[in-house]
């Protein structure tokens, strides 16, 4: 069973209004794709660890969010979106900027193997 960190709740509560649903969605997806994931804060941003290493992380900024998988280039290849913002998904300003839930869950499942 995974472990939730109350500091992530605090991080989400302090985020800009547009970012809250994005962060909640990403958190839900990561836990669905990797039930044994453990939440933590690293570099003042929420991260999700699995089996002693970083699986992925997310962040909220003034006007966008970011989400990244550790070694994500192995899954996604080199992406131009990484030039827009941190992570493989570029500047995330809405949930529609992300792949659908099923795709993200499958990516989480695949990254933990």
PDB file of N, CA and C in Angstrom:
ATOM      1  N   UNK A   1       0.844  -1.186   0.000  1.00  0.00           N
ATOM      2  CA  UNK A   1       0.000   0.000   0.000  1.00  0.00           C
ATOM      3  C   UNK A   1       0.880   1.238   0.000  1.00  0.00           C
ATOM      4  N   UNK A   2       0.526   2.210  -0.814  1.00  0.00           N
ATOM      5  CA  UNK A   2       1.280   3.443  -0.924  1.00  0.00           C
ATOM      6  C   UNK A   2       1.179   4.301   0.325  1.00  0.00           C
ATOM      7  N   UNK A   3       1.974   5.336   0.322  1.00  0.00           N
ATOM      8  CA  UNK A   3       2.015   6.225   1.479  1.00  0.00           C
ATOM      9  C   UNK A   3       1.794   7.659   1.003  1.00  0.00           C
ATOM     10  N   UNK A   4       0.787   8.304   1.559  1.00  0.00           N
ATOM     11  CA  UNK A   4       0.532   9.711   1.245  1.00  0.00           C
ATOM     12  C   UNK A   4       1.239  10.594   2.265  1.00  0.00           C
ATOM     13  N   UNK A   5       1.682  11.729   1.794  1.00  0.00           N
ATOM     14  CA  UNK A   5       2.409  12.681   2.626  1.00  0.00           C
ATOM     15  C   UNK A   5       1.537  13.926   2.790  1.00  0.00           C
ATOM     16  N   UNK A   6       1.210  14.308   4.014  1.00  0.00           N
ATOM     17  CA  UNK A   6       0.361  15.491   4.217  1.00  0.00           C
ATOM     18  C   UNK A   6       0.974  16.782   3.670  1.00  0.00           C
ATOM     19  N   UNK A   7       2.264  16.793   3.453  1.00  0.00           N
ATOM     20  CA  UNK A   7       2.902  17.980   2.878  1.00  0.00           C
ATOM     21  C   UNK A   7       2.444  18.204   1.434  1.00  0.00           C
ATOM     22  N   UNK A   8       2.033  17.126   0.763  1.00  0.00           N
ATOM     23  CA  UNK A   8       1.522  17.263  -0.601  1.00  0.00           C
ATOM     24  C   UNK A   8       0.163  17.966  -0.569  1.00  0.00           C
ATOM     25  N   UNK A   9      -0.668  17.619   0.427  1.00  0.00           N
ATOM     26  CA  UNK A   9      -1.948  18.317   0.597  1.00  0.00           C
ATOM     27  C   UNK A   9      -1.708  19.809   0.789  1.00  0.00           C
ATOM     28  N   UNK A  10      -0.757  20.158   1.622  1.00  0.00           N
ATOM     29  CA  UNK A  10      -0.420  21.557   1.876  1.00  0.00           C
ATOM     30  C   UNK A  10       0.069  22.230   0.600  1.00  0.00           C
ATOM     31  N   UNK A  11       0.923  21.542  -0.150  1.00  0.00           N
ATOM     32  CA  UNK A  11       1.445  22.080  -1.407  1.00  0.00           C
ATOM     33  C   UNK A  11       0.290  22.398  -2.363  1.00  0.00           C
ATOM     34  N   UNK A  12      -0.630  21.450  -2.502  1.00  0.00           N
ATOM     35  CA  UNK A  12      -1.772  21.646  -3.396  1.00  0.00           C
ATOM     36  C   UNK A  12      -2.654  22.797  -2.906  1.00  0.00           C
ATOM     37  N   UNK A  13      -2.901  22.857  -1.614  1.00  0.00           N
ATOM     38  CA  UNK A  13      -3.726  23.933  -1.048  1.00  0.00           C
ATOM     39  C   UNK A  13      -3.133  25.314  -1.297  1.00  0.00           C
ATOM     40  N   UNK A  14      -1.818  25.414  -1.326  1.00  0.00           N
ATOM     41  CA  UNK A  14      -1.146  26.701  -1.534  1.00  0.00           C
ATOM     42  C   UNK A  14      -0.969  27.065  -3.006  1.00  0.00           C
ATOM     43  N   UNK A  15      -1.255  26.130  -3.905  1.00  0.00           N
ATOM     44  CA  UNK A  15      -1.058  26.360  -5.340  1.00  0.00           C
ATOM     45  C   UNK A  15      -2.097  27.346  -5.876  1.00  0.00           C
ATOM     46  N   UNK A  16      -1.796  27.917  -7.027  1.00  0.00           N
ATOM     47  CA  UNK A  16      -2.743  28.794  -7.712  1.00  0.00           C
ATOM     48  C   UNK A  16      -4.037  28.015  -7.979  1.00  0.00           C
ATOM     49  N   UNK A  17      -5.143  28.710  -8.094  1.00  0.00           N
ATOM     50  CA  UNK A  17      -6.448  28.067  -8.257  1.00  0.00           C
ATOM     51  C   UNK A  17      -6.502  27.143  -9.475  1.00  0.00           C
ATOM     52  N   UNK A  18      -5.936  27.579 -10.620  1.00  0.00           N
ATOM     53  CA  UNK A  18      -5.967  26.760 -11.825  1.00  0.00           C
ATOM     54  C   UNK A  18      -5.197  25.451 -11.642  1.00  0.00           C
ATOM     55  N   UNK A  19      -4.178  25.466 -10.774  1.00  0.00           N
ATOM     56  CA  UNK A  19      -3.287  24.317 -10.614  1.00  0.00           C
ATOM     57  C   UNK A  19      -3.870  23.208  -9.739  1.00  0.00           C
ATOM     58  N   UNK A  20      -4.750  23.550  -8.842  1.00  0.00           N
ATOM     59  CA  UNK A  20      -5.265  22.562  -7.887  1.00  0.00           C
ATOM     60  C   UNK A  20      -5.891  21.339  -8.544  1.00  0.00           C
ATOM     61  N   UNK A  21      -6.802  21.496  -9.519  1.00  0.00           N
ATOM     62  CA  UNK A  21      -7.367  20.292 -10.131  1.00  0.00           C
ATOM     63  C   UNK A  21      -6.327  19.474 -10.909  1.00  0.00           C
ATOM     64  N   UNK A  22      -5.358  20.135 -11.485  1.00  0.00           N
ATOM     65  CA  UNK A  22      -4.294  19.438 -12.220  1.00  0.00           C
ATOM     66  C   UNK A  22      -3.477  18.586 -11.255  1.00  0.00           C
ATOM     67  N   UNK A  23      -3.043  19.180 -10.160  1.00  0.00           N
ATOM     68  CA  UNK A  23      -2.229  18.459  -9.181  1.00  0.00           C
ATOM     69  C   UNK A  23      -2.995  17.304  -8.544  1.00  0.00           C
ATOM     70  N   UNK A  24      -4.266  17.536  -8.240  1.00  0.00           N
ATOM     71  CA  UNK A  24      -5.088  16.462  -7.664  1.00  0.00           C
ATOM     72  C   UNK A  24      -5.255  15.317  -8.657  1.00  0.00           C
ATOM     73  N   UNK A  25      -5.469  15.654  -9.918  1.00  0.00           N
ATOM     74  CA  UNK A  25      -5.610  14.650 -10.968  1.00  0.00           C
ATOM     75  C   UNK A  25      -4.325  13.827 -11.104  1.00  0.00           C
ATOM     76  N   UNK A  26      -3.188  14.504 -11.185  1.00  0.00           N
ATOM     77  CA  UNK A  26      -1.911  13.802 -11.326  1.00  0.00           C
ATOM     78  C   UNK A  26      -1.644  12.893 -10.129  1.00  0.00           C
ATOM     79  N   UNK A  27      -1.925  13.376  -8.953  1.00  0.00           N
ATOM     80  CA  UNK A  27      -1.726  12.574  -7.736  1.00  0.00           C
ATOM     81  C   UNK A  27      -2.576  11.309  -7.796  1.00  0.00           C
ATOM     82  N   UNK A  28      -3.835  11.461  -8.177  1.00  0.00           N
ATOM     83  CA  UNK A  28      -4.755  10.320  -8.274  1.00  0.00           C
ATOM     84  C   UNK A  28      -4.250   9.307  -9.306  1.00  0.00           C
ATOM     85  N   UNK A  29      -3.818   9.794 -10.447  1.00  0.00           N
ATOM     86  CA  UNK A  29      -3.335   8.931 -11.523  1.00  0.00           C
ATOM     87  C   UNK A  29      -2.087   8.154 -11.090  1.00  0.00           C
ATOM     88  N   UNK A  30      -1.155   8.836 -10.448  1.00  0.00           N
ATOM     89  CA  UNK A  30       0.073   8.160 -10.013  1.00  0.00           C
ATOM     90  C   UNK A  30      -0.257   7.046  -9.028  1.00  0.00           C
ATOM     91  N   UNK A  31      -1.140   7.311  -8.087  1.00  0.00           N
ATOM     92  CA  UNK A  31      -1.514   6.276  -7.115  1.00  0.00           C
ATOM     93  C   UNK A  31      -2.273   5.127  -7.781  1.00  0.00           C
ATOM     94  N   UNK A  32      -3.079   5.432  -8.784  1.00  0.00           N
ATOM     95  CA  UNK A  32      -3.800   4.376  -9.499  1.00  0.00           C
ATOM     96  C   UNK A  32      -2.838   3.503 -10.306  1.00  0.00           C
ATOM     97  N   UNK A  33      -1.830   4.123 -10.905  1.00  0.00           N
ATOM     98  CA  UNK A  33      -0.868   3.395 -11.721  1.00  0.00           C
ATOM     99  C   UNK A  33       0.198   2.682 -10.932  1.00  0.00           C
ATOM    100  N   UNK A  34       0.412   3.107  -9.707  1.00  0.00           N
ATOM    101  CA  UNK A  34       1.443   2.504  -8.859  1.00  0.00           C
ATOM    102  C   UNK A  34       0.977   2.574  -7.409  1.00  0.00           C
ATOM    103  N   UNK A  35       0.138   1.636  -6.998  1.00  0.00           N
ATOM    104  CA  UNK A  35      -0.437   1.684  -5.649  1.00  0.00           C
ATOM    105  C   UNK A  35       0.601   1.682  -4.514  1.00  0.00           C
ATOM    106  N   UNK A  36       1.798   1.217  -4.771  1.00  0.00           N
ATOM    107  CA  UNK A  36       2.824   1.161  -3.721  1.00  0.00           C
ATOM    108  C   UNK A  36       3.699   2.419  -3.672  1.00  0.00           C
ATOM    109  N   UNK A  37       3.358   3.434  -4.459  1.00  0.00           N
ATOM    110  CA  UNK A  37       4.161   4.648  -4.510  1.00  0.00           C
ATOM    111  C   UNK A  37       4.139   5.362  -3.151  1.00  0.00           C
ATOM    112  N   UNK A  38       5.237   6.034  -2.841  1.00  0.00           N
ATOM    113  CA  UNK A  38       5.334   6.829  -1.613  1.00  0.00           C
ATOM    114  C   UNK A  38       5.566   8.281  -1.985  1.00  0.00           C
ATOM    115  N   UNK A  39       4.758   9.150  -1.419  1.00  0.00           N
ATOM    116  CA  UNK A  39       4.884  10.584  -1.674  1.00  0.00           C
ATOM    117  C   UNK A  39       5.959  11.200  -0.791  1.00  0.00           C
ATOM    118  N   UNK A  40       6.594  12.210  -1.324  1.00  0.00           N
ATOM    119  CA  UNK A  40       7.571  12.966  -0.565  1.00  0.00           C
ATOM    120  C   UNK A  40       7.734  14.346  -1.215  1.00  0.00           C
ATOM    121  N   UNK A  41       8.489  15.199  -0.555  1.00  0.00           N
ATOM    122  CA  UNK A  41       8.858  16.496  -1.118  1.00  0.00           C
ATOM    123  C   UNK A  41      10.361  16.465  -1.360  1.00  0.00           C
ATOM    124  N   UNK A  42      10.743  16.774  -2.589  1.00  0.00           N
ATOM    125  CA  UNK A  42      12.158  16.898  -2.951  1.00  0.00           C
ATOM    126  C   UNK A  42      12.295  18.177  -3.747  1.00  0.00           C
ATOM    127  N   UNK A  43      13.323  18.939  -3.452  1.00  0.00           N
ATOM    128  CA  UNK A  43      13.549  20.210  -4.131  1.00  0.00           C
ATOM    129  C   UNK A  43      12.313  21.095  -4.067  1.00  0.00           C
ATOM    130  N   UNK A  44      11.598  21.034  -2.937  1.00  0.00           N
ATOM    131  CA  UNK A  44      10.397  21.823  -2.639  1.00  0.00           C
ATOM    132  C   UNK A  44       9.225  21.520  -3.579  1.00  0.00           C
ATOM    133  N   UNK A  45       9.243  20.335  -4.203  1.00  0.00           N
ATOM    134  CA  UNK A  45       8.170  19.921  -5.103  1.00  0.00           C
ATOM    135  C   UNK A  45       7.739  18.497  -4.769  1.00  0.00           C
ATOM    136  N   UNK A  46       6.467  18.174  -4.992  1.00  0.00           N
ATOM    137  CA  UNK A  46       5.992  16.807  -4.752  1.00  0.00           C
ATOM    138  C   UNK A  46       6.653  15.799  -5.699  1.00  0.00           C
ATOM    139  N   UNK A  47       7.093  14.716  -5.118  1.00  0.00           N
ATOM    140  CA  UNK A  47       7.661  13.604  -5.877  1.00  0.00           C
ATOM    141  C   UNK A  47       7.019  12.309  -5.404  1.00  0.00           C
ATOM    142  N   UNK A  48       7.090  11.322  -6.265  1.00  0.00           N
ATOM    143  CA  UNK A  48       6.539  10.018  -5.968  1.00  0.00           C
ATOM    144  C   UNK A  48       7.659   9.000  -6.132  1.00  0.00           C
ATOM    145  N   UNK A  49       7.979   8.329  -5.048  1.00  0.00           N
ATOM    146  CA  UNK A  49       9.059   7.346  -5.047  1.00  0.00           C
ATOM    147  C   UNK A  49       8.492   5.942  -5.102  1.00  0.00           C
ATOM    148  N   UNK A  50       9.209   5.077  -5.787  1.00  0.00           N
ATOM    149  CA  UNK A  50       8.823   3.673  -5.849  1.00  0.00           C
ATOM    150  C   UNK A  50      10.081   2.829  -5.743  1.00  0.00           C
ATOM    151  N   UNK A  51      10.046   1.875  -4.841  1.00  0.00           N
ATOM    152  CA  UNK A  51      11.143   0.923  -4.705  1.00  0.00           C
ATOM    153  C   UNK A  51      12.481   1.633  -4.457  1.00  0.00           C
ATOM    154  N   UNK A  52      12.449   2.700  -3.673  1.00  0.00           N
ATOM    155  CA  UNK A  52      13.667   3.402  -3.294  1.00  0.00           C
ATOM    156  C   UNK A  52      14.155   4.461  -4.267  1.00  0.00           C
ATOM    157  N   UNK A  53      13.454   4.671  -5.367  1.00  0.00           N
ATOM    158  CA  UNK A  53      13.892   5.668  -6.341  1.00  0.00           C
ATOM    159  C   UNK A  53      12.735   6.533  -6.797  1.00  0.00           C
ATOM    160  N   UNK A  54      13.070   7.620  -7.461  1.00  0.00           N
ATOM    161  CA  UNK A  54      12.054   8.545  -7.961  1.00  0.00           C
ATOM    162  C   UNK A  54      11.325   7.918  -9.146  1.00  0.00           C
ATOM    163  N   UNK A  55      10.006   7.911  -9.081  1.00  0.00           N
ATOM    164  CA  UNK A  55       9.176   7.482 -10.209  1.00  0.00           C
ATOM    165  C   UNK A  55       8.828   8.702 -11.058  1.00  0.00           C
ATOM    166  N   UNK A  56       8.299   9.749 -10.393  1.00  0.00           N
ATOM    167  CA  UNK A  56       7.892  10.957 -11.107  1.00  0.00           C
ATOM    168  C   UNK A  56       7.728  12.100 -10.116  1.00  0.00           C
ATOM    169  N   UNK A  57       7.489  13.279 -10.652  1.00  0.00           N
ATOM    170  CA  UNK A  57       7.290  14.452  -9.811  1.00  0.00           C
ATOM    171  C   UNK A  57       6.413  15.468 -10.511  1.00  0.00           C
ATOM    172  N   UNK A  58       5.891  16.380  -9.735  1.00  0.00           N
ATOM    173  CA  UNK A  58       5.034  17.429 -10.285  1.00  0.00           C
ATOM    174  C   UNK A  58       5.354  18.740  -9.589  1.00  0.00           C
ATOM    175  N   UNK A  59       4.958  19.822 -10.234  1.00  0.00           N
ATOM    176  CA  UNK A  59       5.196  21.143  -9.650  1.00  0.00           C
ATOM    177  C   UNK A  59       4.149  22.113 -10.152  1.00  0.00           C
ATOM    178  N   UNK A  60       3.874  23.121  -9.346  1.00  0.00           N
ATOM    179  CA  UNK A  60       2.969  24.201  -9.733  1.00  0.00           C
ATOM    180  C   UNK A  60       3.742  25.502  -9.681  1.00  0.00           C
ATOM    181  N   UNK A  61       3.574  26.282 -10.714  1.00  0.00           N
ATOM    182  CA  UNK A  61       4.205  27.583 -10.802  1.00  0.00           C
ATOM    183  C   UNK A  61       3.116  28.647 -10.928  1.00  0.00           C
ATOM    184  N   UNK A  62       3.510  29.862 -11.158  1.00  0.00           N
ATOM    185  CA  UNK A  62       2.567  30.977 -11.206  1.00  0.00           C
ATOM    186  C   UNK A  62       1.510  30.803 -12.298  1.00  0.00           C
ATOM    187  N   UNK A  63       1.925  30.331 -13.478  1.00  0.00           N
ATOM    188  CA  UNK A  63       0.996  30.253 -14.601  1.00  0.00           C
ATOM    189  C   UNK A  63       0.910  28.877 -15.261  1.00  0.00           C
ATOM    190  N   UNK A  64       1.640  27.898 -14.748  1.00  0.00           N
ATOM    191  CA  UNK A  64       1.565  26.564 -15.326  1.00  0.00           C
ATOM    192  C   UNK A  64       2.018  25.521 -14.316  1.00  0.00           C
ATOM    193  N   UNK A  65       1.740  24.274 -14.649  1.00  0.00           N
ATOM    194  CA  UNK A  65       2.218  23.131 -13.862  1.00  0.00           C
ATOM    195  C   UNK A  65       3.186  22.334 -14.725  1.00  0.00           C
ATOM    196  N   UNK A  66       3.917  21.453 -14.082  1.00  0.00           N
ATOM    197  CA  UNK A  66       4.822  20.557 -14.795  1.00  0.00           C
ATOM    198  C   UNK A  66       4.703  19.165 -14.186  1.00  0.00           C
ATOM    199  N   UNK A  67       4.944  18.164 -15.007  1.00  0.00           N
ATOM    200  CA  UNK A  67       4.904  16.768 -14.567  1.00  0.00           C
ATOM    201  C   UNK A  67       5.987  16.034 -15.330  1.00  0.00           C
ATOM    202  N   UNK A  68       6.760  15.247 -14.609  1.00  0.00           N
ATOM    203  CA  UNK A  68       7.849  14.531 -15.276  1.00  0.00           C
ATOM    204  C   UNK A  68       8.021  13.137 -14.693  1.00  0.00           C
ATOM    205  N   UNK A  69       8.443  12.242 -15.557  1.00  0.00           N
ATOM    206  CA  UNK A  69       8.847  10.905 -15.139  1.00  0.00           C
ATOM    207  C   UNK A  69      10.358  10.851 -15.129  1.00  0.00           C
ATOM    208  N   UNK A  70      10.912  10.228 -14.115  1.00  0.00           N
ATOM    209  CA  UNK A  70      12.363  10.016 -14.073  1.00  0.00           C
ATOM    210  C   UNK A  70      12.737   9.212 -15.310  1.00  0.00           C
ATOM    211  N   UNK A  71      13.755   9.621 -15.997  1.00  0.00           N
ATOM    212  CA  UNK A  71      14.194   8.969 -17.235  1.00  0.00           C
ATOM    213  C   UNK A  71      13.052   8.881 -18.252  1.00  0.00           C
ATOM    214  N   UNK A  72      12.217   9.880 -18.274  1.00  0.00           N
ATOM    215  CA  UNK A  72      11.060   9.891 -19.154  1.00  0.00           C
ATOM    216  C   UNK A  72      11.406   9.822 -20.627  1.00  0.00           C
ATOM    217  N   UNK A  73      12.614  10.240 -20.989  1.00  0.00           N
ATOM    218  CA  UNK A  73      13.001  10.172 -22.393  1.00  0.00           C
ATOM    219  C   UNK A  73      13.023   8.727 -22.898  1.00  0.00           C
ATOM    220  N   UNK A  74      13.179   7.767 -21.985  1.00  0.00           N
ATOM    221  CA  UNK A  74      13.145   6.356 -22.378  1.00  0.00           C
ATOM    222  C   UNK A  74      11.740   5.941 -22.808  1.00  0.00           C
ATOM    223  N   UNK A  75      10.718   6.596 -22.252  1.00  0.00           N
ATOM    224  CA  UNK A  75       9.328   6.296 -22.593  1.00  0.00           C
ATOM    225  C   UNK A  75       8.855   7.185 -23.740  1.00  0.00           C
ATOM    226  N   UNK A  76       9.150   8.475 -23.644  1.00  0.00           N
ATOM    227  CA  UNK A  76       8.584   9.447 -24.564  1.00  0.00           C
ATOM    228  C   UNK A  76       9.533   9.868 -25.677  1.00  0.00           C
ATOM    229  N   UNK A  77      10.812   9.532 -25.559  1.00  0.00           N
ATOM    230  CA  UNK A  77      11.788  10.034 -26.513  1.00  0.00           C
ATOM    231  C   UNK A  77      12.039  11.508 -26.248  1.00  0.00           C
ATOM    232  N   UNK A  78      12.819  12.130 -27.071  1.00  0.00           N
ATOM    233  CA  UNK A  78      13.083  13.556 -26.919  1.00  0.00           C
ATOM    234  C   UNK A  78      11.850  14.316 -27.403  1.00  0.00           C
ATOM    235  N   UNK A  79      11.431  15.265 -26.624  1.00  0.00           N
ATOM    236  CA  UNK A  79      10.210  16.012 -26.940  1.00  0.00           C
ATOM    237  C   UNK A  79      10.501  17.508 -26.958  1.00  0.00           C
ATOM    238  N   UNK A  80       9.927  18.182 -27.905  1.00  0.00           N
ATOM    239  CA  UNK A  80      10.065  19.638 -27.965  1.00  0.00           C
ATOM    240  C   UNK A  80       9.396  20.295 -26.772  1.00  0.00           C
ATOM    241  N   UNK A  81       8.376  19.643 -26.197  1.00  0.00           N
ATOM    242  CA  UNK A  81       7.655  20.241 -25.074  1.00  0.00           C
ATOM    243  C   UNK A  81       8.563  20.464 -23.866  1.00  0.00           C
ATOM    244  N   UNK A  82       9.642  19.708 -23.754  1.00  0.00           N
ATOM    245  CA  UNK A  82      10.556  19.906 -22.635  1.00  0.00           C
ATOM    246  C   UNK A  82      11.218  21.279 -22.704  1.00  0.00           C
ATOM    247  N   UNK A  83      11.255  21.861 -23.885  1.00  0.00           N
ATOM    248  CA  UNK A  83      11.805  23.207 -24.021  1.00  0.00           C
ATOM    249  C   UNK A  83      10.833  24.258 -23.495  1.00  0.00           C
ATOM    250  N   UNK A  84       9.531  23.940 -23.478  1.00  0.00           N
ATOM    251  CA  UNK A  84       8.512  24.861 -22.981  1.00  0.00           C
ATOM    252  C   UNK A  84       8.538  24.960 -21.466  1.00  0.00           C
ATOM    253  N   UNK A  85       8.755  23.823 -20.810  1.00  0.00           N
ATOM    254  CA  UNK A  85       8.721  23.759 -19.347  1.00  0.00           C
ATOM    255  C   UNK A  85       9.343  22.448 -18.898  1.00  0.00           C
ATOM    256  N   UNK A  86       9.605  22.347 -17.624  1.00  0.00           N
ATOM    257  CA  UNK A  86      10.162  21.141 -17.044  1.00  0.00           C
ATOM    258  C   UNK A  86       9.232  19.949 -17.313  1.00  0.00           C
ATOM    259  N   UNK A  87       9.782  18.818 -17.659  1.00  0.00           N
ATOM    260  CA  UNK A  87       8.990  17.610 -17.820  1.00  0.00           C
ATOM    261  C   UNK A  87       8.614  17.314 -19.257  1.00  0.00           C
ATOM    262  N   UNK A  88       8.077  16.117 -19.448  1.00  0.00           N
ATOM    263  CA  UNK A  88       7.763  15.642 -20.792  1.00  0.00           C
ATOM    264  C   UNK A  88       6.468  16.205 -21.361  1.00  0.00           C
ATOM    265  N   UNK A  89       5.715  16.951 -20.587  1.00  0.00           N
ATOM    266  CA  UNK A  89       4.402  17.411 -21.025  1.00  0.00           C
ATOM    267  C   UNK A  89       4.339  18.914 -21.254  1.00  0.00           C
ATOM    268  N   UNK A  90       5.459  19.588 -21.149  1.00  0.00           N
ATOM    269  CA  UNK A  90       5.486  21.025 -21.383  1.00  0.00           C
ATOM    270  C   UNK A  90       4.691  21.806 -20.352  1.00  0.00           C
ATOM    271  N   UNK A  91       4.228  22.966 -20.739  1.00  0.00           N
ATOM    272  CA  UNK A  91       3.446  23.843 -19.849  1.00  0.00           C
ATOM    273  C   UNK A  91       2.031  23.287 -19.715  1.00  0.00           C
ATOM    274  N   UNK A  92       1.671  22.892 -18.527  1.00  0.00           N
ATOM    275  CA  UNK A  92       0.335  22.355 -18.269  1.00  0.00           C
ATOM    276  C   UNK A  92      -0.482  23.447 -17.590  1.00  0.00           C
ATOM    277  N   UNK A  93      -1.521  23.902 -18.268  1.00  0.00           N
ATOM    278  CA  UNK A  93      -2.385  24.938 -17.697  1.00  0.00           C
ATOM    279  C   UNK A  93      -3.801  24.422 -17.442  1.00  0.00           C
ATOM    280  N   UNK A  94      -4.058  23.202 -17.904  1.00  0.00           N
ATOM    281  CA  UNK A  94      -5.373  22.580 -17.739  1.00  0.00           C
ATOM    282  C   UNK A  94      -5.195  21.067 -17.866  1.00  0.00           C
ATOM    283  N   UNK A  95      -6.131  20.313 -17.338  1.00  0.00           N
ATOM    284  CA  UNK A  95      -6.066  18.854 -17.444  1.00  0.00           C
ATOM    285  C   UNK A  95      -6.073  18.419 -18.909  1.00  0.00           C
ATOM    286  N   UNK A  96      -6.703  19.188 -19.781  1.00  0.00           N
ATOM    287  CA  UNK A  96      -6.741  18.817 -21.204  1.00  0.00           C
ATOM    288  C   UNK A  96      -5.364  18.877 -21.867  1.00  0.00           C
ATOM    289  N   UNK A  97      -4.387  19.495 -21.213  1.00  0.00           N
ATOM    290  CA  UNK A  97      -3.017  19.524 -21.731  1.00  0.00           C
ATOM    291  C   UNK A  97      -2.288  18.203 -21.513  1.00  0.00           C
ATOM    292  N   UNK A  98      -2.895  17.308 -20.766  1.00  0.00           N
ATOM    293  CA  UNK A  98      -2.288  16.020 -20.435  1.00  0.00           C
ATOM    294  C   UNK A  98      -2.909  14.899 -21.255  1.00  0.00           C
ATOM    295  N   UNK A  99      -2.165  13.778 -21.406  1.00  0.00           N
ATOM    296  CA  UNK A  99      -2.800  12.596 -21.990  1.00  0.00           C
ATOM    297  C   UNK A  99      -3.965  12.168 -21.101  1.00  0.00           C
ATOM    298  N   UNK A 100      -4.861  11.325 -21.632  1.00  0.00           N
ATOM    299  CA  UNK A 100      -6.000  10.896 -20.836  1.00  0.00           C
ATOM    300  C   UNK A 100      -5.553  10.028 -19.656  1.00  0.00           C
ATOM    301  N   UNK A 101      -6.454   9.857 -18.721  1.00  0.00           N
ATOM    302  CA  UNK A 101      -6.158   9.144 -17.477  1.00  0.00           C
ATOM    303  C   UNK A 101      -5.642   7.728 -17.740  1.00  0.00           C
ATOM    304  N   UNK A 102      -6.264   7.017 -18.656  1.00  0.00           N
ATOM    305  CA  UNK A 102      -5.865   5.639 -18.959  1.00  0.00           C
ATOM    306  C   UNK A 102      -4.408   5.584 -19.448  1.00  0.00           C
ATOM    307  N   UNK A 103      -4.034   6.504 -20.313  1.00  0.00           N
ATOM    308  CA  UNK A 103      -2.671   6.554 -20.842  1.00  0.00           C
ATOM    309  C   UNK A 103      -1.670   6.864 -19.730  1.00  0.00           C
ATOM    310  N   UNK A 104      -1.992   7.828 -18.881  1.00  0.00           N
ATOM    311  CA  UNK A 104      -1.086   8.181 -17.784  1.00  0.00           C
ATOM    312  C   UNK A 104      -0.935   7.030 -16.789  1.00  0.00           C
ATOM    313  N   UNK A 105      -2.035   6.359 -16.472  1.00  0.00           N
ATOM    314  CA  UNK A 105      -1.967   5.220 -15.551  1.00  0.00           C
ATOM    315  C   UNK A 105      -1.076   4.129 -16.144  1.00  0.00           C
ATOM    316  N   UNK A 106      -1.251   3.850 -17.420  1.00  0.00           N
ATOM    317  CA  UNK A 106      -0.427   2.830 -18.078  1.00  0.00           C
ATOM    318  C   UNK A 106       1.048   3.220 -18.054  1.00  0.00           C
ATOM    319  N   UNK A 107       1.339   4.510 -18.196  1.00  0.00           N
ATOM    320  CA  UNK A 107       2.721   4.980 -18.147  1.00  0.00           C
ATOM    321  C   UNK A 107       3.288   4.784 -16.748  1.00  0.00           C
ATOM    322  N   UNK A 108       2.508   5.094 -15.713  1.00  0.00           N
ATOM    323  CA  UNK A 108       2.956   4.866 -14.329  1.00  0.00           C
ATOM    324  C   UNK A 108       3.229   3.384 -14.097  1.00  0.00           C
ATOM    325  N   UNK A 109       2.322   2.554 -14.580  1.00  0.00           N
ATOM    326  CA  UNK A 109       2.496   1.113 -14.415  1.00  0.00           C
ATOM    327  C   UNK A 109       3.757   0.644 -15.116  1.00  0.00           C
ATOM    328  N   UNK A 110       3.979   1.136 -16.311  1.00  0.00           N
ATOM    329  CA  UNK A 110       5.165   0.748 -17.086  1.00  0.00           C
ATOM    330  C   UNK A 110       6.466   1.226 -16.482  1.00  0.00           C
ATOM    331  N   UNK A 111       6.476   2.401 -15.869  1.00  0.00           N
ATOM    332  CA  UNK A 111       7.703   2.971 -15.295  1.00  0.00           C
ATOM    333  C   UNK A 111       8.154   2.220 -14.050  1.00  0.00           C
ATOM    334  N   UNK A 112       7.247   1.547 -13.372  1.00  0.00           N
ATOM    335  CA  UNK A 112       7.654   0.865 -12.140  1.00  0.00           C
ATOM    336  C   UNK A 112       8.190  -0.530 -12.409  1.00  0.00           C
ATOM    337  N   UNK A 113       8.100  -1.028 -13.644  1.00  0.00           N
ATOM    338  CA  UNK A 113       8.609  -2.356 -13.930  1.00  0.00           C
ATOM    339  C   UNK A 113      10.118  -2.358 -14.047  1.00  0.00           C
TER     340      UNK A 113
END
